[in-house]
Amino acid sequence: MKLLQKYNIFVIMLLVIVISLVFILFFPFRSSLVFYKENTDHIAAYLPINKGEHFQLIFKHSIHLTDVVEKYVVNDDQTIKQTEIVYEEFGIGMPSNAHGNEKFTYKNGKYHIKNLSNVFPKINLRNGKTVSKNRLVWGENADKEIYLNKYFNPGAWFTLKIENITLWEYWKGVRIHE
């Protein structure tokens, strides 16, 4: 009888441990900027980022060959808000003026459109193929920067979303870092 009680206690403890491990491994816990490969749910890479933090995507304009900087902030509801765009040349694909509450300025040889309020649930991004110098910038003072080619092939495309990832995804995925 005592042996059966010890066995039952062992089985219950083992079940509690297994259920706890499964919960710990598969419960979304870490907010991240997730790079999904094309239109799939396959995580190509992720950048841990919190609500209220800023990041930038910098593209080399394929015609002007100058940098275009798009600045974003992570909203509380895990959407992405575009706050500013900075560029050096007018032309194809570049805005020519501000609208509504936006502010258009020229400073140090660059055009700035500030106070943007474009909100996106996701961003579709293609890593440049011909002119492949796209970058991701983040950090408290925008002091961390990587070239997307370090993680992705030229011409590859992704869907970017702010999502909570699980510990399992965190361990098996490619974490973006300096």
N, C-alpha and C. Protein backbone atom coordinates (compact mmCIF):
# COMPACT_ATOMS: atom_id res chain seq x y z
N MET A 1 0.82 -1.19 0.00
CA MET A 1 0.00 0.00 0.00
C MET A 1 0.86 1.26 0.00
N LYS A 2 1.88 1.29 0.86
CA LYS A 2 2.77 2.46 0.92
C LYS A 2 3.54 2.61 -0.38
N LEU A 3 3.90 1.50 -0.99
CA LEU A 3 4.61 1.55 -2.26
C LEU A 3 3.73 2.16 -3.35
N LEU A 4 2.46 1.83 -3.36
CA LEU A 4 1.53 2.39 -4.33
C LEU A 4 1.35 3.90 -4.11
N GLN A 5 1.31 4.34 -2.86
CA GLN A 5 1.20 5.78 -2.56
C GLN A 5 2.45 6.52 -3.02
N LYS A 6 3.61 5.95 -2.79
CA LYS A 6 4.86 6.58 -3.23
C LYS A 6 4.90 6.66 -4.76
N TYR A 7 4.45 5.61 -5.41
CA TYR A 7 4.42 5.60 -6.88
C TYR A 7 3.47 6.69 -7.40
N ASN A 8 2.29 6.80 -6.80
CA ASN A 8 1.32 7.83 -7.21
C ASN A 8 1.88 9.24 -7.01
N ILE A 9 2.54 9.46 -5.90
CA ILE A 9 3.15 10.77 -5.63
C ILE A 9 4.24 11.05 -6.66
N PHE A 10 5.04 10.05 -6.99
CA PHE A 10 6.09 10.20 -7.98
C PHE A 10 5.50 10.56 -9.35
N VAL A 11 4.44 9.85 -9.75
CA VAL A 11 3.81 10.11 -11.04
C VAL A 11 3.22 11.52 -11.07
N ILE A 12 2.57 11.93 -10.02
CA ILE A 12 1.98 13.27 -9.95
C ILE A 12 3.09 14.33 -10.02
N MET A 13 4.16 14.14 -9.29
CA MET A 13 5.27 15.10 -9.33
C MET A 13 5.90 15.15 -10.73
N LEU A 14 6.05 14.01 -11.34
CA LEU A 14 6.61 13.95 -12.69
C LEU A 14 5.69 14.68 -13.68
N LEU A 15 4.40 14.49 -13.57
CA LEU A 15 3.45 15.19 -14.43
C LEU A 15 3.50 16.70 -14.22
N VAL A 16 3.60 17.13 -12.98
CA VAL A 16 3.69 18.56 -12.68
C VAL A 16 4.96 19.14 -13.29
N ILE A 17 6.06 18.42 -13.19
CA ILE A 17 7.33 18.89 -13.76
C ILE A 17 7.23 18.96 -15.28
N VAL A 18 6.70 17.94 -15.93
CA VAL A 18 6.57 17.93 -17.39
C VAL A 18 5.65 19.05 -17.85
N ILE A 19 4.51 19.21 -17.21
CA ILE A 19 3.57 20.28 -17.58
C ILE A 19 4.22 21.64 -17.37
N SER A 20 4.95 21.80 -16.29
CA SER A 20 5.64 23.07 -16.03
C SER A 20 6.68 23.37 -17.10
N LEU A 21 7.46 22.37 -17.50
CA LEU A 21 8.47 22.55 -18.54
C LEU A 21 7.83 22.91 -19.88
N VAL A 22 6.76 22.23 -20.22
CA VAL A 22 6.05 22.54 -21.47
C VAL A 22 5.54 23.97 -21.42
N PHE A 23 4.96 24.37 -20.31
CA PHE A 23 4.46 25.74 -20.16
C PHE A 23 5.59 26.75 -20.29
N ILE A 24 6.70 26.48 -19.61
CA ILE A 24 7.84 27.40 -19.66
C ILE A 24 8.40 27.50 -21.08
N LEU A 25 8.51 26.40 -21.78
CA LEU A 25 9.08 26.40 -23.13
C LEU A 25 8.17 27.03 -24.18
N PHE A 26 6.86 26.89 -24.02
CA PHE A 26 5.96 27.30 -25.09
C PHE A 26 5.01 28.45 -24.73
N PHE A 27 5.25 29.12 -23.63
CA PHE A 27 4.46 30.29 -23.28
C PHE A 27 5.18 31.53 -23.81
N PRO A 28 4.51 32.34 -24.66
CA PRO A 28 5.16 33.55 -25.19
C PRO A 28 5.53 34.50 -24.05
N PHE A 29 6.80 34.89 -24.01
CA PHE A 29 7.25 35.70 -22.89
C PHE A 29 8.07 36.91 -23.30
N ARG A 30 8.68 36.94 -24.47
CA ARG A 30 9.63 37.99 -24.82
C ARG A 30 9.17 38.75 -26.05
N SER A 31 8.90 40.04 -25.90
CA SER A 31 8.51 40.89 -27.02
C SER A 31 9.71 41.06 -27.95
N SER A 32 9.45 40.88 -29.25
CA SER A 32 10.54 40.94 -30.22
C SER A 32 10.03 41.47 -31.55
N LEU A 33 10.95 42.07 -32.31
CA LEU A 33 10.71 42.40 -33.70
C LEU A 33 11.07 41.13 -34.46
N VAL A 34 10.06 40.46 -35.00
CA VAL A 34 10.25 39.15 -35.61
C VAL A 34 10.27 39.28 -37.12
N PHE A 35 11.29 38.69 -37.74
CA PHE A 35 11.43 38.64 -39.19
C PHE A 35 10.92 37.27 -39.64
N TYR A 36 9.70 37.24 -40.21
CA TYR A 36 9.15 36.01 -40.74
C TYR A 36 9.54 35.89 -42.21
N LYS A 37 9.98 34.71 -42.60
CA LYS A 37 10.37 34.48 -43.99
C LYS A 37 9.13 34.56 -44.87
N GLU A 38 9.16 35.49 -45.82
CA GLU A 38 8.09 35.71 -46.79
C GLU A 38 6.73 35.77 -46.09
N ASN A 39 5.76 35.02 -46.57
CA ASN A 39 4.42 35.01 -45.95
C ASN A 39 4.21 33.75 -45.14
N THR A 40 5.21 33.32 -44.41
CA THR A 40 5.09 32.09 -43.63
C THR A 40 5.12 32.42 -42.14
N ASP A 41 5.02 31.39 -41.32
CA ASP A 41 5.19 31.57 -39.88
C ASP A 41 6.57 31.09 -39.43
N HIS A 42 7.48 30.96 -40.40
CA HIS A 42 8.86 30.54 -40.11
C HIS A 42 9.68 31.77 -39.69
N ILE A 43 10.17 31.74 -38.46
CA ILE A 43 10.97 32.86 -37.96
C ILE A 43 12.38 32.76 -38.52
N ALA A 44 12.75 33.77 -39.32
CA ALA A 44 14.11 33.82 -39.87
C ALA A 44 15.08 34.42 -38.87
N ALA A 45 14.60 35.41 -38.10
CA ALA A 45 15.43 36.07 -37.09
C ALA A 45 14.52 36.92 -36.22
N TYR A 46 15.05 37.36 -35.09
CA TYR A 46 14.28 38.24 -34.22
C TYR A 46 15.23 39.17 -33.47
N LEU A 47 14.68 40.32 -33.09
CA LEU A 47 15.40 41.30 -32.28
C LEU A 47 14.56 41.56 -31.04
N PRO A 48 15.05 41.19 -29.85
CA PRO A 48 14.29 41.52 -28.64
C PRO A 48 14.09 43.03 -28.54
N ILE A 49 12.85 43.44 -28.35
CA ILE A 49 12.52 44.86 -28.27
C ILE A 49 11.26 45.01 -27.42
N ASN A 50 11.18 46.09 -26.66
CA ASN A 50 10.05 46.31 -25.77
C ASN A 50 9.14 47.40 -26.28
N LYS A 51 7.95 47.44 -25.73
CA LYS A 51 7.00 48.50 -26.06
C LYS A 51 7.63 49.85 -25.74
N GLY A 52 7.43 50.80 -26.63
CA GLY A 52 7.97 52.14 -26.43
C GLY A 52 9.38 52.32 -26.97
N GLU A 53 10.04 51.23 -27.35
CA GLU A 53 11.41 51.34 -27.88
C GLU A 53 11.36 51.67 -29.37
N HIS A 54 12.44 52.29 -29.83
CA HIS A 54 12.54 52.75 -31.21
C HIS A 54 13.50 51.86 -32.00
N PHE A 55 13.26 51.81 -33.30
CA PHE A 55 14.20 51.17 -34.21
C PHE A 55 14.11 51.89 -35.55
N GLN A 56 15.11 51.68 -36.39
CA GLN A 56 15.16 52.32 -37.69
C GLN A 56 15.47 51.28 -38.76
N LEU A 57 14.89 51.47 -39.92
CA LEU A 57 15.28 50.71 -41.11
C LEU A 57 15.90 51.70 -42.06
N ILE A 58 17.12 51.40 -42.51
CA ILE A 58 17.85 52.29 -43.42
C ILE A 58 18.04 51.55 -44.73
N PHE A 59 17.60 52.20 -45.81
CA PHE A 59 17.70 51.63 -47.14
C PHE A 59 18.61 52.50 -47.99
N LYS A 60 19.29 51.90 -48.90
CA LYS A 60 20.04 52.63 -49.92
C LYS A 60 19.10 52.79 -51.11
N HIS A 61 18.73 54.03 -51.44
CA HIS A 61 17.82 54.26 -52.55
C HIS A 61 18.48 53.74 -53.83
N SER A 62 17.77 52.95 -54.59
CA SER A 62 18.37 52.26 -55.73
C SER A 62 18.74 53.19 -56.88
N ILE A 63 18.15 54.37 -56.95
CA ILE A 63 18.49 55.30 -58.03
C ILE A 63 19.46 56.38 -57.54
N HIS A 64 19.12 57.01 -56.42
CA HIS A 64 19.98 58.09 -55.89
C HIS A 64 21.23 57.58 -55.20
N LEU A 65 21.16 56.32 -54.75
CA LEU A 65 22.25 55.69 -53.98
C LEU A 65 22.57 56.47 -52.71
N THR A 66 21.54 57.04 -52.09
CA THR A 66 21.67 57.73 -50.81
C THR A 66 20.79 57.01 -49.78
N ASP A 67 21.10 57.20 -48.52
CA ASP A 67 20.34 56.55 -47.46
C ASP A 67 18.96 57.16 -47.30
N VAL A 68 17.99 56.29 -47.05
CA VAL A 68 16.65 56.68 -46.66
C VAL A 68 16.42 56.03 -45.30
N VAL A 69 16.14 56.85 -44.29
CA VAL A 69 15.98 56.36 -42.92
C VAL A 69 14.51 56.43 -42.54
N GLU A 70 13.95 55.30 -42.15
CA GLU A 70 12.58 55.26 -41.64
C GLU A 70 12.66 54.92 -40.16
N LYS A 71 12.05 55.78 -39.33
CA LYS A 71 12.11 55.61 -37.88
C LYS A 71 10.75 55.12 -37.36
N TYR A 72 10.82 54.17 -36.43
CA TYR A 72 9.62 53.52 -35.91
C TYR A 72 9.68 53.44 -34.39
N VAL A 73 8.50 53.28 -33.77
CA VAL A 73 8.39 53.01 -32.34
C VAL A 73 7.39 51.86 -32.18
N VAL A 74 7.61 51.04 -31.15
CA VAL A 74 6.73 49.91 -30.85
C VAL A 74 5.61 50.42 -29.94
N ASN A 75 4.36 50.27 -30.40
CA ASN A 75 3.20 50.68 -29.63
C ASN A 75 2.83 49.65 -28.57
N ASP A 76 2.02 50.05 -27.61
CA ASP A 76 1.58 49.16 -26.54
C ASP A 76 0.81 47.95 -27.06
N ASP A 77 0.09 48.13 -28.16
CA ASP A 77 -0.69 47.02 -28.71
C ASP A 77 0.09 46.19 -29.73
N GLN A 78 1.40 46.33 -29.72
CA GLN A 78 2.33 45.59 -30.58
C GLN A 78 2.17 45.93 -32.06
N THR A 79 1.68 47.11 -32.35
CA THR A 79 1.73 47.62 -33.71
C THR A 79 3.00 48.46 -33.84
N ILE A 80 3.32 48.83 -35.06
CA ILE A 80 4.54 49.57 -35.34
C ILE A 80 4.14 50.94 -35.89
N LYS A 81 4.60 52.00 -35.24
CA LYS A 81 4.26 53.35 -35.67
C LYS A 81 5.47 54.00 -36.33
N GLN A 82 5.29 54.45 -37.56
CA GLN A 82 6.35 55.19 -38.24
C GLN A 82 6.29 56.63 -37.75
N THR A 83 7.42 57.15 -37.26
CA THR A 83 7.45 58.49 -36.66
C THR A 83 8.17 59.52 -37.52
N GLU A 84 9.09 59.06 -38.39
CA GLU A 84 9.88 60.00 -39.17
C GLU A 84 10.49 59.30 -40.37
N ILE A 85 10.72 60.08 -41.42
CA ILE A 85 11.48 59.61 -42.57
C ILE A 85 12.52 60.68 -42.90
N VAL A 86 13.73 60.24 -43.20
CA VAL A 86 14.84 61.15 -43.50
C VAL A 86 15.47 60.71 -44.81
N TYR A 87 15.69 61.68 -45.71
CA TYR A 87 16.29 61.34 -47.01
C TYR A 87 17.02 62.56 -47.56
N GLU A 88 17.85 62.32 -48.57
CA GLU A 88 18.70 63.38 -49.11
C GLU A 88 18.27 63.90 -50.47
N GLU A 89 17.50 63.13 -51.22
CA GLU A 89 17.16 63.50 -52.59
C GLU A 89 15.66 63.33 -52.83
N PHE A 90 15.06 64.26 -53.54
CA PHE A 90 13.71 64.08 -54.03
C PHE A 90 13.74 63.14 -55.22
N GLY A 91 12.64 62.51 -55.50
CA GLY A 91 12.58 61.67 -56.68
C GLY A 91 11.64 60.51 -56.47
N ILE A 92 11.85 59.48 -57.24
CA ILE A 92 10.98 58.31 -57.25
C ILE A 92 10.86 57.72 -55.85
N GLY A 93 9.63 57.63 -55.37
CA GLY A 93 9.35 57.00 -54.09
C GLY A 93 9.55 57.88 -52.88
N MET A 94 10.02 59.09 -53.07
CA MET A 94 10.27 59.98 -51.93
C MET A 94 9.15 61.00 -51.81
N PRO A 95 8.66 61.24 -50.59
CA PRO A 95 7.60 62.24 -50.41
C PRO A 95 8.14 63.65 -50.68
N SER A 96 7.26 64.52 -51.13
CA SER A 96 7.70 65.87 -51.46
C SER A 96 7.20 66.91 -50.47
N ASN A 97 6.36 66.49 -49.52
CA ASN A 97 5.83 67.45 -48.57
C ASN A 97 5.20 66.73 -47.39
N ALA A 98 4.90 67.49 -46.35
CA ALA A 98 4.23 66.95 -45.17
C ALA A 98 2.73 67.15 -45.29
N HIS A 99 1.96 66.34 -44.57
CA HIS A 99 0.51 66.44 -44.59
C HIS A 99 -0.02 66.51 -43.16
N GLY A 100 -1.10 67.24 -42.95
CA GLY A 100 -1.73 67.30 -41.63
C GLY A 100 -0.80 67.87 -40.58
N ASN A 101 -0.58 67.12 -39.52
CA ASN A 101 0.28 67.55 -38.40
C ASN A 101 1.76 67.23 -38.61
N GLU A 102 2.09 66.68 -39.74
CA GLU A 102 3.49 66.35 -40.01
C GLU A 102 4.30 67.64 -40.20
N LYS A 103 5.60 67.54 -39.94
CA LYS A 103 6.48 68.70 -40.12
C LYS A 103 7.59 68.35 -41.11
N PHE A 104 7.72 69.19 -42.12
CA PHE A 104 8.73 69.01 -43.16
C PHE A 104 9.87 70.00 -42.89
N THR A 105 11.09 69.48 -42.70
CA THR A 105 12.24 70.36 -42.44
C THR A 105 13.42 69.91 -43.28
N TYR A 106 14.37 70.81 -43.43
CA TYR A 106 15.64 70.52 -44.11
C TYR A 106 16.76 70.90 -43.15
N LYS A 107 17.60 69.93 -42.83
CA LYS A 107 18.66 70.17 -41.85
C LYS A 107 19.88 69.33 -42.21
N ASN A 108 21.04 69.98 -42.23
CA ASN A 108 22.31 69.30 -42.51
C ASN A 108 22.27 68.48 -43.80
N GLY A 109 21.65 69.03 -44.84
CA GLY A 109 21.63 68.36 -46.14
C GLY A 109 20.62 67.24 -46.26
N LYS A 110 19.69 67.14 -45.29
CA LYS A 110 18.71 66.06 -45.33
C LYS A 110 17.30 66.60 -45.11
N TYR A 111 16.36 66.00 -45.79
CA TYR A 111 14.96 66.32 -45.62
C TYR A 111 14.39 65.42 -44.54
N HIS A 112 13.61 66.01 -43.65
CA HIS A 112 12.98 65.26 -42.55
C HIS A 112 11.47 65.49 -42.61
N ILE A 113 10.74 64.42 -42.52
CA ILE A 113 9.30 64.54 -42.30
C ILE A 113 9.05 63.89 -40.95
N LYS A 114 8.68 64.75 -39.98
CA LYS A 114 8.49 64.30 -38.60
C LYS A 114 7.01 64.28 -38.25
N ASN A 115 6.73 63.74 -37.08
CA ASN A 115 5.37 63.62 -36.55
C ASN A 115 4.48 62.73 -37.43
N LEU A 116 5.10 61.76 -38.08
CA LEU A 116 4.30 60.80 -38.84
C LEU A 116 3.48 59.96 -37.87
N SER A 117 2.34 59.52 -38.31
CA SER A 117 1.51 58.69 -37.44
C SER A 117 0.98 57.47 -38.20
N ASN A 118 1.81 56.95 -39.09
CA ASN A 118 1.46 55.75 -39.83
C ASN A 118 1.63 54.54 -38.92
N VAL A 119 0.57 53.77 -38.72
CA VAL A 119 0.60 52.61 -37.83
C VAL A 119 0.39 51.35 -38.67
N PHE A 120 1.27 50.38 -38.44
CA PHE A 120 1.25 49.14 -39.21
C PHE A 120 1.17 47.93 -38.27
N PRO A 121 0.34 46.94 -38.60
CA PRO A 121 0.37 45.69 -37.84
C PRO A 121 1.59 44.85 -38.24
N LYS A 122 2.10 45.12 -39.45
CA LYS A 122 3.27 44.41 -39.97
C LYS A 122 3.92 45.28 -41.04
N ILE A 123 5.18 44.96 -41.34
CA ILE A 123 5.91 45.65 -42.40
C ILE A 123 6.47 44.58 -43.33
N ASN A 124 6.22 44.73 -44.62
CA ASN A 124 6.85 43.85 -45.60
C ASN A 124 8.16 44.48 -46.02
N LEU A 125 9.22 43.71 -45.97
CA LEU A 125 10.57 44.23 -46.20
C LEU A 125 11.32 43.31 -47.14
N ARG A 126 11.96 43.90 -48.13
CA ARG A 126 12.85 43.14 -49.01
C ARG A 126 14.27 43.63 -48.77
N ASN A 127 15.16 42.69 -48.54
CA ASN A 127 16.57 43.05 -48.43
C ASN A 127 17.06 43.34 -49.84
N GLY A 128 17.71 44.48 -50.02
CA GLY A 128 18.15 44.90 -51.35
C GLY A 128 18.92 43.82 -52.08
N LYS A 129 18.66 43.70 -53.38
CA LYS A 129 19.37 42.71 -54.18
C LYS A 129 20.47 43.37 -54.99
N THR A 130 20.12 44.43 -55.72
CA THR A 130 21.11 45.11 -56.55
C THR A 130 21.99 46.02 -55.71
N VAL A 131 21.35 46.84 -54.88
CA VAL A 131 22.08 47.74 -53.98
C VAL A 131 21.75 47.25 -52.57
N SER A 132 22.53 46.33 -52.08
CA SER A 132 22.19 45.64 -50.83
C SER A 132 22.98 46.20 -49.65
N LYS A 133 22.54 47.36 -49.17
CA LYS A 133 23.19 47.99 -48.02
C LYS A 133 22.16 48.37 -46.97
N ASN A 134 21.08 47.58 -46.89
CA ASN A 134 20.02 47.86 -45.93
C ASN A 134 20.50 47.54 -44.52
N ARG A 135 20.02 48.38 -43.57
CA ARG A 135 20.49 48.23 -42.20
C ARG A 135 19.32 48.32 -41.22
N LEU A 136 19.53 47.74 -40.06
CA LEU A 136 18.61 47.84 -38.94
C LEU A 136 19.38 48.52 -37.82
N VAL A 137 18.76 49.56 -37.24
CA VAL A 137 19.39 50.32 -36.16
C VAL A 137 18.44 50.29 -34.97
N TRP A 138 18.99 50.13 -33.78
CA TRP A 138 18.18 50.13 -32.57
C TRP A 138 19.05 50.55 -31.40
N GLY A 139 18.48 50.54 -30.23
CA GLY A 139 19.21 50.91 -29.02
C GLY A 139 18.74 52.25 -28.48
N GLU A 140 19.06 52.49 -27.24
CA GLU A 140 18.60 53.70 -26.55
C GLU A 140 18.98 54.96 -27.31
N ASN A 141 20.17 55.00 -27.86
CA ASN A 141 20.64 56.16 -28.63
C ASN A 141 20.88 55.81 -30.09
N ALA A 142 20.14 54.83 -30.59
CA ALA A 142 20.33 54.33 -31.96
C ALA A 142 21.80 54.00 -32.19
N ASP A 143 22.39 53.33 -31.21
CA ASP A 143 23.82 53.06 -31.23
C ASP A 143 24.17 51.63 -31.67
N LYS A 144 23.17 50.83 -31.99
CA LYS A 144 23.41 49.47 -32.45
C LYS A 144 22.93 49.36 -33.88
N GLU A 145 23.78 48.81 -34.73
CA GLU A 145 23.46 48.75 -36.15
C GLU A 145 24.03 47.47 -36.77
N ILE A 146 23.23 46.86 -37.63
CA ILE A 146 23.70 45.71 -38.39
C ILE A 146 23.25 45.86 -39.85
N TYR A 147 24.04 45.33 -40.75
CA TYR A 147 23.63 45.21 -42.14
C TYR A 147 22.76 43.96 -42.25
N LEU A 148 21.65 44.07 -42.93
CA LEU A 148 20.75 42.93 -43.06
C LEU A 148 21.42 41.75 -43.76
N ASN A 149 22.42 42.03 -44.60
CA ASN A 149 23.14 40.95 -45.28
C ASN A 149 23.87 40.03 -44.30
N LYS A 150 24.09 40.49 -43.10
CA LYS A 150 24.74 39.64 -42.08
C LYS A 150 23.83 38.47 -41.71
N TYR A 151 22.51 38.67 -41.84
CA TYR A 151 21.54 37.66 -41.43
C TYR A 151 20.73 37.09 -42.59
N PHE A 152 20.60 37.86 -43.69
CA PHE A 152 19.70 37.47 -44.77
C PHE A 152 20.40 37.60 -46.12
N ASN A 153 19.95 36.81 -47.06
CA ASN A 153 20.48 36.87 -48.43
C ASN A 153 19.96 38.12 -49.14
N PRO A 154 20.76 38.71 -50.02
CA PRO A 154 20.26 39.82 -50.83
C PRO A 154 19.04 39.36 -51.64
N GLY A 155 18.02 40.20 -51.68
CA GLY A 155 16.80 39.88 -52.40
C GLY A 155 15.75 39.14 -51.58
N ALA A 156 16.12 38.63 -50.40
CA ALA A 156 15.16 37.92 -49.56
C ALA A 156 14.11 38.90 -49.05
N TRP A 157 12.89 38.41 -48.82
CA TRP A 157 11.88 39.30 -48.28
C TRP A 157 11.22 38.69 -47.06
N PHE A 158 10.70 39.59 -46.21
CA PHE A 158 10.23 39.21 -44.90
C PHE A 158 8.98 40.00 -44.52
N THR A 159 8.26 39.45 -43.57
CA THR A 159 7.19 40.17 -42.90
C THR A 159 7.68 40.43 -41.49
N LEU A 160 7.72 41.71 -41.10
CA LEU A 160 8.16 42.09 -39.76
C LEU A 160 6.94 42.35 -38.89
N LYS A 161 6.94 41.78 -37.69
CA LYS A 161 5.86 41.98 -36.73
C LYS A 161 6.46 42.08 -35.34
N ILE A 162 5.76 42.77 -34.47
CA ILE A 162 6.10 42.76 -33.05
C ILE A 162 5.26 41.66 -32.42
N GLU A 163 5.91 40.67 -31.88
CA GLU A 163 5.20 39.55 -31.25
C GLU A 163 5.98 39.05 -30.05
N ASN A 164 5.25 38.39 -29.17
CA ASN A 164 5.90 37.72 -28.05
C ASN A 164 6.32 36.34 -28.52
N ILE A 165 7.58 36.01 -28.32
CA ILE A 165 8.06 34.69 -28.73
C ILE A 165 8.26 33.82 -27.50
N THR A 166 8.21 32.52 -27.72
CA THR A 166 8.38 31.56 -26.63
C THR A 166 9.86 31.33 -26.36
N LEU A 167 10.15 30.72 -25.25
CA LEU A 167 11.52 30.36 -24.93
C LEU A 167 12.08 29.39 -25.98
N TRP A 168 11.24 28.49 -26.46
CA TRP A 168 11.66 27.55 -27.50
C TRP A 168 12.07 28.30 -28.78
N GLU A 169 11.25 29.27 -29.22
CA GLU A 169 11.58 30.06 -30.40
C GLU A 169 12.84 30.89 -30.15
N TYR A 170 12.98 31.39 -28.94
CA TYR A 170 14.14 32.19 -28.55
C TYR A 170 15.42 31.36 -28.68
N TRP A 171 15.38 30.13 -28.21
CA TRP A 171 16.56 29.27 -28.26
C TRP A 171 16.89 28.80 -29.67
N LYS A 172 15.87 28.43 -30.43
CA LYS A 172 16.15 27.85 -31.75
C LYS A 172 16.30 28.89 -32.85
N GLY A 173 15.86 30.12 -32.60
CA GLY A 173 15.90 31.16 -33.62
C GLY A 173 17.24 31.85 -33.72
N VAL A 174 17.32 32.75 -34.69
CA VAL A 174 18.53 33.55 -34.92
C VAL A 174 18.29 34.92 -34.29
N ARG A 175 19.00 35.17 -33.20
CA ARG A 175 18.85 36.43 -32.51
C ARG A 175 19.74 37.49 -33.17
N ILE A 176 19.13 38.62 -33.51
CA ILE A 176 19.91 39.72 -34.10
C ILE A 176 20.64 40.45 -32.98
N HIS A 177 21.91 40.64 -33.17
CA HIS A 177 22.74 41.37 -32.19
C HIS A 177 23.87 42.05 -32.95
N GLU A 178 24.53 42.95 -32.25
CA GLU A 178 25.63 43.68 -32.89
C GLU A 178 26.75 42.74 -33.26
